[in-house]
Amino acid sequence: MKEYDKVELISDKQEFKDLGLEKGRTGTILGTKRNGYWYVVFEGEIFQRDDGVWSCSDIGAAVTDEDIKVIWESD
């Protein structure tokens, strides 16, 4: 695994559920592995808030190799 690889969450840990993540969610690794963890930004939706500002529901999480599988490798 490396930065910019696209990954799928394959773990059902409660810590991920508490963040709003479910098994099968996809995301992108950002940065290098640190202290045994990858920082992954899991894709959400882009939406416009009531005040007109555009936002997204992406969720960032620290995950281990056992929590994810690569579904697309970056160059």
N, C-alpha and C. Protein backbone atom coordinates (compact mmCIF):
# COMPACT_ATOMS: atom_id res chain seq x y z
N MET A 1 0.85 -1.18 0.00
CA MET A 1 0.00 0.00 0.00
C MET A 1 0.88 1.23 0.00
N LYS A 2 0.33 2.27 -0.63
CA LYS A 2 1.08 3.53 -0.69
C LYS A 2 0.11 4.70 -0.86
N GLU A 3 0.66 5.90 -0.75
CA GLU A 3 -0.15 7.10 -0.87
C GLU A 3 -0.90 7.12 -2.21
N TYR A 4 -2.12 7.55 -2.16
CA TYR A 4 -3.05 7.70 -3.29
C TYR A 4 -3.65 6.39 -3.78
N ASP A 5 -3.32 5.26 -3.15
CA ASP A 5 -4.03 4.03 -3.48
C ASP A 5 -5.49 4.19 -3.03
N LYS A 6 -6.40 3.64 -3.83
CA LYS A 6 -7.81 3.64 -3.45
C LYS A 6 -8.05 2.33 -2.70
N VAL A 7 -8.73 2.42 -1.55
CA VAL A 7 -8.92 1.27 -0.69
C VAL A 7 -10.39 1.11 -0.29
N GLU A 8 -10.70 -0.10 0.18
CA GLU A 8 -12.04 -0.40 0.68
C GLU A 8 -11.92 -0.82 2.14
N LEU A 9 -12.81 -0.33 2.97
CA LEU A 9 -12.84 -0.70 4.38
C LEU A 9 -13.41 -2.12 4.49
N ILE A 10 -12.65 -3.02 5.10
CA ILE A 10 -13.09 -4.41 5.22
C ILE A 10 -13.31 -4.81 6.68
N SER A 11 -13.29 -3.84 7.57
CA SER A 11 -13.43 -4.09 9.00
C SER A 11 -14.76 -3.54 9.51
N ASP A 12 -15.33 -4.23 10.48
CA ASP A 12 -16.58 -3.79 11.12
C ASP A 12 -16.34 -3.28 12.54
N LYS A 13 -15.16 -2.77 12.83
CA LYS A 13 -14.83 -2.32 14.18
C LYS A 13 -15.78 -1.21 14.64
N GLN A 14 -16.07 -1.21 15.92
CA GLN A 14 -16.97 -0.20 16.49
C GLN A 14 -16.40 1.20 16.33
N GLU A 15 -15.08 1.34 16.39
CA GLU A 15 -14.47 2.67 16.25
C GLU A 15 -14.81 3.30 14.90
N PHE A 16 -14.93 2.48 13.86
CA PHE A 16 -15.30 3.00 12.54
C PHE A 16 -16.79 3.33 12.48
N LYS A 17 -17.59 2.48 13.08
CA LYS A 17 -19.04 2.74 13.14
C LYS A 17 -19.31 4.05 13.87
N ASP A 18 -18.53 4.31 14.94
CA ASP A 18 -18.69 5.55 15.71
C ASP A 18 -18.38 6.79 14.87
N LEU A 19 -17.52 6.63 13.86
CA LEU A 19 -17.18 7.74 12.96
C LEU A 19 -18.19 7.89 11.83
N GLY A 20 -19.08 6.92 11.69
CA GLY A 20 -20.05 6.95 10.60
C GLY A 20 -19.60 6.14 9.39
N LEU A 21 -18.61 5.29 9.57
CA LEU A 21 -18.10 4.46 8.48
C LEU A 21 -18.66 3.06 8.58
N GLU A 22 -18.95 2.48 7.43
CA GLU A 22 -19.43 1.11 7.38
C GLU A 22 -18.54 0.29 6.45
N LYS A 23 -18.52 -1.02 6.68
CA LYS A 23 -17.75 -1.93 5.86
C LYS A 23 -18.16 -1.74 4.40
N GLY A 24 -17.17 -1.69 3.50
CA GLY A 24 -17.44 -1.50 2.08
C GLY A 24 -17.23 -0.08 1.60
N ARG A 25 -17.08 0.87 2.51
CA ARG A 25 -16.85 2.27 2.14
C ARG A 25 -15.48 2.39 1.49
N THR A 26 -15.35 3.22 0.46
CA THR A 26 -14.08 3.39 -0.24
C THR A 26 -13.47 4.74 0.08
N GLY A 27 -12.14 4.78 -0.03
CA GLY A 27 -11.42 6.02 0.24
C GLY A 27 -10.04 5.99 -0.37
N THR A 28 -9.28 7.04 -0.08
CA THR A 28 -7.94 7.22 -0.63
C THR A 28 -6.94 7.41 0.49
N ILE A 29 -5.81 6.70 0.39
CA ILE A 29 -4.73 6.87 1.37
C ILE A 29 -4.05 8.21 1.10
N LEU A 30 -3.89 8.99 2.15
CA LEU A 30 -3.17 10.27 2.05
C LEU A 30 -1.99 10.22 3.01
N GLY A 31 -0.82 10.47 2.49
CA GLY A 31 0.39 10.45 3.31
C GLY A 31 1.00 9.06 3.40
N THR A 32 2.05 8.98 4.19
CA THR A 32 2.77 7.71 4.37
C THR A 32 2.28 7.04 5.66
N LYS A 33 2.60 5.77 5.78
CA LYS A 33 2.23 5.02 6.98
C LYS A 33 3.02 5.56 8.16
N ARG A 34 2.32 5.84 9.27
CA ARG A 34 2.98 6.37 10.46
C ARG A 34 2.47 5.65 11.69
N ASN A 35 3.38 5.18 12.52
CA ASN A 35 3.02 4.49 13.75
C ASN A 35 2.08 3.32 13.51
N GLY A 36 2.22 2.67 12.36
CA GLY A 36 1.40 1.50 12.04
C GLY A 36 0.05 1.82 11.42
N TYR A 37 -0.21 3.10 11.15
CA TYR A 37 -1.51 3.51 10.62
C TYR A 37 -1.38 4.28 9.31
N TRP A 38 -2.38 4.11 8.47
CA TRP A 38 -2.56 4.93 7.27
C TRP A 38 -3.66 5.93 7.55
N TYR A 39 -3.53 7.14 6.99
CA TYR A 39 -4.63 8.10 7.07
C TYR A 39 -5.42 7.98 5.76
N VAL A 40 -6.68 7.60 5.88
CA VAL A 40 -7.53 7.41 4.72
C VAL A 40 -8.71 8.37 4.79
N VAL A 41 -8.98 9.03 3.68
CA VAL A 41 -10.17 9.87 3.58
C VAL A 41 -11.21 9.06 2.81
N PHE A 42 -12.29 8.70 3.51
CA PHE A 42 -13.36 7.92 2.92
C PHE A 42 -14.37 8.85 2.28
N GLU A 43 -14.78 8.50 1.06
CA GLU A 43 -15.64 9.35 0.24
C GLU A 43 -17.03 9.49 0.83
N GLY A 44 -17.54 10.71 0.74
CA GLY A 44 -18.90 11.01 1.16
C GLY A 44 -19.64 11.67 0.01
N GLU A 45 -20.53 12.56 0.34
CA GLU A 45 -21.32 13.27 -0.67
C GLU A 45 -20.98 14.75 -0.64
N ILE A 46 -21.11 15.41 -1.79
CA ILE A 46 -20.98 16.85 -1.88
C ILE A 46 -22.38 17.43 -1.81
N PHE A 47 -22.57 18.43 -0.98
CA PHE A 47 -23.90 19.01 -0.82
C PHE A 47 -23.80 20.50 -0.51
N GLN A 48 -24.90 21.18 -0.70
CA GLN A 48 -24.97 22.61 -0.39
C GLN A 48 -25.77 22.78 0.89
N ARG A 49 -25.16 23.46 1.86
CA ARG A 49 -25.82 23.69 3.14
C ARG A 49 -26.92 24.73 2.98
N ASP A 50 -27.75 24.87 4.01
CA ASP A 50 -28.84 25.84 3.99
C ASP A 50 -28.35 27.27 3.81
N ASP A 51 -27.10 27.55 4.24
CA ASP A 51 -26.56 28.90 4.11
C ASP A 51 -25.91 29.13 2.74
N GLY A 52 -26.01 28.13 1.84
CA GLY A 52 -25.49 28.28 0.49
C GLY A 52 -24.06 27.82 0.29
N VAL A 53 -23.36 27.50 1.37
CA VAL A 53 -21.96 27.06 1.28
C VAL A 53 -21.91 25.58 0.89
N TRP A 54 -21.04 25.26 -0.06
CA TRP A 54 -20.86 23.87 -0.47
C TRP A 54 -19.96 23.16 0.53
N SER A 55 -20.26 21.91 0.82
CA SER A 55 -19.51 21.12 1.78
C SER A 55 -19.50 19.66 1.34
N CYS A 56 -18.86 18.80 2.12
CA CYS A 56 -18.87 17.37 1.81
C CYS A 56 -18.89 16.57 3.10
N SER A 57 -19.28 15.32 2.98
CA SER A 57 -19.38 14.46 4.15
C SER A 57 -18.28 13.41 4.17
N ASP A 58 -17.10 13.74 3.58
CA ASP A 58 -15.96 12.83 3.64
C ASP A 58 -15.57 12.61 5.10
N ILE A 59 -15.03 11.42 5.39
CA ILE A 59 -14.61 11.10 6.76
C ILE A 59 -13.17 10.62 6.73
N GLY A 60 -12.31 11.24 7.52
CA GLY A 60 -10.92 10.83 7.64
C GLY A 60 -10.76 9.89 8.83
N ALA A 61 -9.95 8.84 8.65
CA ALA A 61 -9.73 7.88 9.74
C ALA A 61 -8.33 7.28 9.64
N ALA A 62 -7.80 6.91 10.79
CA ALA A 62 -6.53 6.19 10.85
C ALA A 62 -6.86 4.70 10.84
N VAL A 63 -6.27 3.96 9.90
CA VAL A 63 -6.57 2.54 9.75
C VAL A 63 -5.29 1.73 9.63
N THR A 64 -5.37 0.46 9.96
CA THR A 64 -4.23 -0.45 9.83
C THR A 64 -4.38 -1.25 8.53
N ASP A 65 -3.33 -1.96 8.17
CA ASP A 65 -3.36 -2.81 6.97
C ASP A 65 -4.52 -3.81 7.02
N GLU A 66 -4.84 -4.31 8.20
CA GLU A 66 -5.88 -5.32 8.36
C GLU A 66 -7.28 -4.75 8.16
N ASP A 67 -7.43 -3.42 8.23
CA ASP A 67 -8.74 -2.78 8.12
C ASP A 67 -9.16 -2.51 6.68
N ILE A 68 -8.20 -2.52 5.75
CA ILE A 68 -8.48 -2.10 4.38
C ILE A 68 -7.88 -3.06 3.37
N LYS A 69 -8.40 -3.00 2.13
CA LYS A 69 -7.78 -3.71 1.01
C LYS A 69 -7.69 -2.74 -0.15
N VAL A 70 -6.63 -2.88 -0.94
CA VAL A 70 -6.41 -2.01 -2.09
C VAL A 70 -7.35 -2.45 -3.23
N ILE A 71 -8.07 -1.47 -3.79
CA ILE A 71 -8.94 -1.78 -4.94
C ILE A 71 -8.43 -1.10 -6.21
N TRP A 72 -7.49 -0.16 -6.06
CA TRP A 72 -6.84 0.48 -7.21
C TRP A 72 -5.51 1.02 -6.73
N GLU A 73 -4.44 0.69 -7.46
CA GLU A 73 -3.10 1.14 -7.10
C GLU A 73 -2.72 2.38 -7.87
N SER A 74 -2.18 3.38 -7.17
CA SER A 74 -1.69 4.59 -7.82
C SER A 74 -0.35 4.30 -8.48
N ASP A 75 0.04 5.17 -9.40
CA ASP A 75 1.32 5.01 -10.10
C ASP A 75 2.49 5.35 -9.23
